[in-house]
Amino acid sequence: MKSIAELAKIREEALKKVDIRHDREGTRIVVGMATCGISAGARPVLMQLVEEVKTRNLQEVIVSQTGCIGVCRLEPIIEVYRPGEEKVTYVEMTPEKAKRIVAEHIVNGKVIDEYTIGAAK
């Protein structure tokens, strides 16, 4: 590294590779990654979501993390935000459920009611 310009170029290239959190239009999938979520298995769920979005080349989908969503007994929790639609909260997630959510909800627009917080007992 020899100059500020070179450092700025490296930074820009790194930001393009990460591209997890940006303020842009499209679908956002937010994973609760506080201690409660992580201990319940949120990390493999997050990784599955990122992998599915990448595999399917879903350019307008952003996967990001947040802290505690507030219902620790139902962790891991993910929330899906789509423009013009109500937020959907999915609970007791697994990597397999996450894969299905990408396929059915994100790609095909069909909410999987049995995984939502409204269906939780």
C-alpha atoms as a PDB file:
ATOM      1  CA  MET A   1       0.000   0.000   0.000  1.00  0.00           C
ATOM      2  CA  LYS A   2       1.572   3.230  -1.145  1.00  0.00           C
ATOM      3  CA  SER A   3      -1.135   5.890  -1.043  1.00  0.00           C
ATOM      4  CA  ILE A   4      -4.508   6.938   0.314  1.00  0.00           C
ATOM      5  CA  ALA A   5      -5.992   6.396  -3.155  1.00  0.00           C
ATOM      6  CA  GLU A   6      -4.764   2.806  -3.170  1.00  0.00           C
ATOM      7  CA  LEU A   7      -6.254   2.253   0.295  1.00  0.00           C
ATOM      8  CA  ALA A   8      -9.564   3.738  -0.879  1.00  0.00           C
ATOM      9  CA  LYS A   9      -9.595   1.378  -3.865  1.00  0.00           C
ATOM     10  CA  ILE A  10      -8.963  -1.647  -1.595  1.00  0.00           C
ATOM     11  CA  ARG A  11     -11.767  -0.500   0.713  1.00  0.00           C
ATOM     12  CA  GLU A  12     -14.204  -0.092  -2.197  1.00  0.00           C
ATOM     13  CA  GLU A  13     -13.422  -3.571  -3.532  1.00  0.00           C
ATOM     14  CA  ALA A  14     -13.873  -5.100  -0.062  1.00  0.00           C
ATOM     15  CA  LEU A  15     -17.242  -3.375   0.387  1.00  0.00           C
ATOM     16  CA  LYS A  16     -18.453  -4.773  -2.937  1.00  0.00           C
ATOM     17  CA  LYS A  17     -17.554  -8.286  -1.806  1.00  0.00           C
ATOM     18  CA  VAL A  18     -19.287  -7.977   1.569  1.00  0.00           C
ATOM     19  CA  ASP A  19     -22.455  -6.232   0.341  1.00  0.00           C
ATOM     20  CA  ILE A  20     -24.535  -7.496   3.290  1.00  0.00           C
ATOM     21  CA  ARG A  21     -26.080  -4.290   4.626  1.00  0.00           C
ATOM     22  CA  HIS A  22     -26.998  -1.424   2.360  1.00  0.00           C
ATOM     23  CA  ASP A  23     -29.919   0.944   2.182  1.00  0.00           C
ATOM     24  CA  ARG A  24     -31.416  -0.171  -1.094  1.00  0.00           C
ATOM     25  CA  GLU A  25     -34.756  -1.401  -2.321  1.00  0.00           C
ATOM     26  CA  GLY A  26     -35.625  -5.058  -2.271  1.00  0.00           C
ATOM     27  CA  THR A  27     -36.237  -7.823   0.205  1.00  0.00           C
ATOM     28  CA  ARG A  28     -34.434  -7.853   3.555  1.00  0.00           C
ATOM     29  CA  ILE A  29     -34.026 -10.999   5.642  1.00  0.00           C
ATOM     30  CA  VAL A  30     -32.988 -10.150   9.195  1.00  0.00           C
ATOM     31  CA  VAL A  31     -31.659 -12.844  11.531  1.00  0.00           C
ATOM     32  CA  GLY A  32     -31.742 -12.403  15.315  1.00  0.00           C
ATOM     33  CA  MET A  33     -28.122 -12.928  16.374  1.00  0.00           C
ATOM     34  CA  ALA A  34     -28.099 -11.968  20.044  1.00  0.00           C
ATOM     35  CA  THR A  35     -26.809 -14.506  22.568  1.00  0.00           C
ATOM     36  CA  CYS A  36     -30.259 -16.101  22.770  1.00  0.00           C
ATOM     37  CA  GLY A  37     -30.452 -16.594  18.993  1.00  0.00           C
ATOM     38  CA  ILE A  38     -26.894 -17.849  18.637  1.00  0.00           C
ATOM     39  CA  SER A  39     -27.316 -20.376  21.446  1.00  0.00           C
ATOM     40  CA  ALA A  40     -30.542 -21.623  19.815  1.00  0.00           C
ATOM     41  CA  GLY A  41     -28.816 -22.172  16.451  1.00  0.00           C
ATOM     42  CA  ALA A  42     -29.131 -18.888  14.546  1.00  0.00           C
ATOM     43  CA  ARG A  43     -25.619 -19.028  13.046  1.00  0.00           C
ATOM     44  CA  PRO A  44     -26.301 -22.083  10.799  1.00  0.00           C
ATOM     45  CA  VAL A  45     -29.625 -20.484   9.803  1.00  0.00           C
ATOM     46  CA  LEU A  46     -27.844 -17.257   8.825  1.00  0.00           C
ATOM     47  CA  MET A  47     -25.237 -19.169   6.848  1.00  0.00           C
ATOM     48  CA  GLN A  48     -27.919 -21.172   5.003  1.00  0.00           C
ATOM     49  CA  LEU A  49     -29.805 -18.003   4.087  1.00  0.00           C
ATOM     50  CA  VAL A  50     -26.648 -16.333   2.778  1.00  0.00           C
ATOM     51  CA  GLU A  51     -25.757 -19.460   0.784  1.00  0.00           C
ATOM     52  CA  GLU A  52     -29.249 -19.795  -0.732  1.00  0.00           C
ATOM     53  CA  VAL A  53     -29.371 -16.131  -1.741  1.00  0.00           C
ATOM     54  CA  LYS A  54     -25.911 -16.441  -3.284  1.00  0.00           C
ATOM     55  CA  THR A  55     -26.660 -19.754  -5.044  1.00  0.00           C
ATOM     56  CA  ARG A  56     -29.871 -18.386  -6.548  1.00  0.00           C
ATOM     57  CA  ASN A  57     -28.139 -15.086  -7.432  1.00  0.00           C
ATOM     58  CA  LEU A  58     -30.912 -13.044  -5.803  1.00  0.00           C
ATOM     59  CA  GLN A  59     -29.540  -9.539  -6.382  1.00  0.00           C
ATOM     60  CA  GLU A  60     -32.390  -7.683  -4.655  1.00  0.00           C
ATOM     61  CA  VAL A  61     -32.233  -9.724  -1.428  1.00  0.00           C
ATOM     62  CA  ILE A  62     -30.165  -8.620   1.540  1.00  0.00           C
ATOM     63  CA  VAL A  63     -29.431 -10.902   4.500  1.00  0.00           C
ATOM     64  CA  SER A  64     -28.423  -9.049   7.663  1.00  0.00           C
ATOM     65  CA  GLN A  65     -28.116  -9.537  11.402  1.00  0.00           C
ATOM     66  CA  THR A  66     -29.728  -7.827  14.358  1.00  0.00           C
ATOM     67  CA  GLY A  67     -29.709  -8.241  18.110  1.00  0.00           C
ATOM     68  CA  CYS A  68     -32.490  -9.786  20.160  1.00  0.00           C
ATOM     69  CA  ILE A  69     -35.866  -9.649  18.426  1.00  0.00           C
ATOM     70  CA  GLY A  70     -37.623 -10.118  21.761  1.00  0.00           C
ATOM     71  CA  VAL A  71     -39.161 -13.571  21.931  1.00  0.00           C
ATOM     72  CA  CYS A  72     -36.189 -15.631  23.095  1.00  0.00           C
ATOM     73  CA  ARG A  73     -38.152 -18.845  23.630  1.00  0.00           C
ATOM     74  CA  LEU A  74     -38.940 -18.948  19.899  1.00  0.00           C
ATOM     75  CA  GLU A  75     -35.362 -18.479  18.648  1.00  0.00           C
ATOM     76  CA  PRO A  76     -33.873 -18.701  16.102  1.00  0.00           C
ATOM     77  CA  ILE A  77     -36.038 -15.974  14.587  1.00  0.00           C
ATOM     78  CA  ILE A  78     -35.872 -14.338  11.172  1.00  0.00           C
ATOM     79  CA  GLU A  79     -37.901 -11.444   9.840  1.00  0.00           C
ATOM     80  CA  VAL A  80     -38.644 -10.867   6.163  1.00  0.00           C
ATOM     81  CA  TYR A  81     -39.283  -7.321   4.938  1.00  0.00           C
ATOM     82  CA  ARG A  82     -40.602  -6.853   1.394  1.00  0.00           C
ATOM     83  CA  PRO A  83     -41.548  -3.491  -0.113  1.00  0.00           C
ATOM     84  CA  GLY A  84     -45.279  -2.858   0.135  1.00  0.00           C
ATOM     85  CA  GLU A  85     -45.933  -5.887   2.367  1.00  0.00           C
ATOM     86  CA  GLU A  86     -46.209  -6.504   6.091  1.00  0.00           C
ATOM     87  CA  LYS A  87     -43.195  -7.895   7.912  1.00  0.00           C
ATOM     88  CA  VAL A  88     -43.244 -11.678   8.327  1.00  0.00           C
ATOM     89  CA  THR A  89     -41.645 -13.178  11.442  1.00  0.00           C
ATOM     90  CA  TYR A  90     -40.525 -16.798  11.248  1.00  0.00           C
ATOM     91  CA  VAL A  91     -39.690 -18.659  14.474  1.00  0.00           C
ATOM     92  CA  GLU A  92     -37.913 -21.826  15.610  1.00  0.00           C
ATOM     93  CA  MET A  93     -35.865 -21.761  12.426  1.00  0.00           C
ATOM     94  CA  THR A  94     -33.500 -24.443  11.163  1.00  0.00           C
ATOM     95  CA  PRO A  95     -31.235 -24.397   8.102  1.00  0.00           C
ATOM     96  CA  GLU A  96     -33.744 -26.644   6.298  1.00  0.00           C
ATOM     97  CA  LYS A  97     -36.631 -24.278   7.067  1.00  0.00           C
ATOM     98  CA  ALA A  98     -34.488 -21.331   5.954  1.00  0.00           C
ATOM     99  CA  LYS A  99     -33.855 -23.020   2.611  1.00  0.00           C
ATOM    100  CA  ARG A 100     -37.589 -23.561   2.142  1.00  0.00           C
ATOM    101  CA  ILE A 101     -38.342 -19.915   3.040  1.00  0.00           C
ATOM    102  CA  VAL A 102     -35.981 -18.694   0.332  1.00  0.00           C
ATOM    103  CA  ALA A 103     -37.553 -21.028  -2.229  1.00  0.00           C
ATOM    104  CA  GLU A 104     -41.205 -20.430  -1.377  1.00  0.00           C
ATOM    105  CA  HIS A 105     -41.449 -16.991   0.230  1.00  0.00           C
ATOM    106  CA  ILE A 106     -38.552 -15.035  -1.234  1.00  0.00           C
ATOM    107  CA  VAL A 107     -38.608 -16.495  -4.760  1.00  0.00           C
ATOM    108  CA  ASN A 108     -42.306 -17.377  -5.176  1.00  0.00           C
ATOM    109  CA  GLY A 109     -43.954 -14.889  -2.791  1.00  0.00           C
ATOM    110  CA  LYS A 110     -45.805 -17.505  -0.696  1.00  0.00           C
ATOM    111  CA  VAL A 111     -45.577 -17.036   3.086  1.00  0.00           C
ATOM    112  CA  ILE A 112     -45.082 -20.337   4.927  1.00  0.00           C
ATOM    113  CA  ASP A 113     -47.724 -19.838   7.621  1.00  0.00           C
ATOM    114  CA  GLU A 114     -46.739 -22.892   9.687  1.00  0.00           C
ATOM    115  CA  TYR A 115     -43.316 -21.325  10.440  1.00  0.00           C
ATOM    116  CA  THR A 116     -44.639 -17.887  11.441  1.00  0.00           C
ATOM    117  CA  ILE A 117     -44.907 -16.461  14.918  1.00  0.00           C
ATOM    118  CA  GLY A 118     -48.717 -16.613  14.602  1.00  0.00           C
ATOM    119  CA  ALA A 119     -48.578 -20.395  14.332  1.00  0.00           C
ATOM    120  CA  ALA A 120     -46.216 -20.826  17.323  1.00  0.00           C
ATOM    121  CA  LYS A 121     -47.712 -22.441  20.394  1.00  0.00           C
END
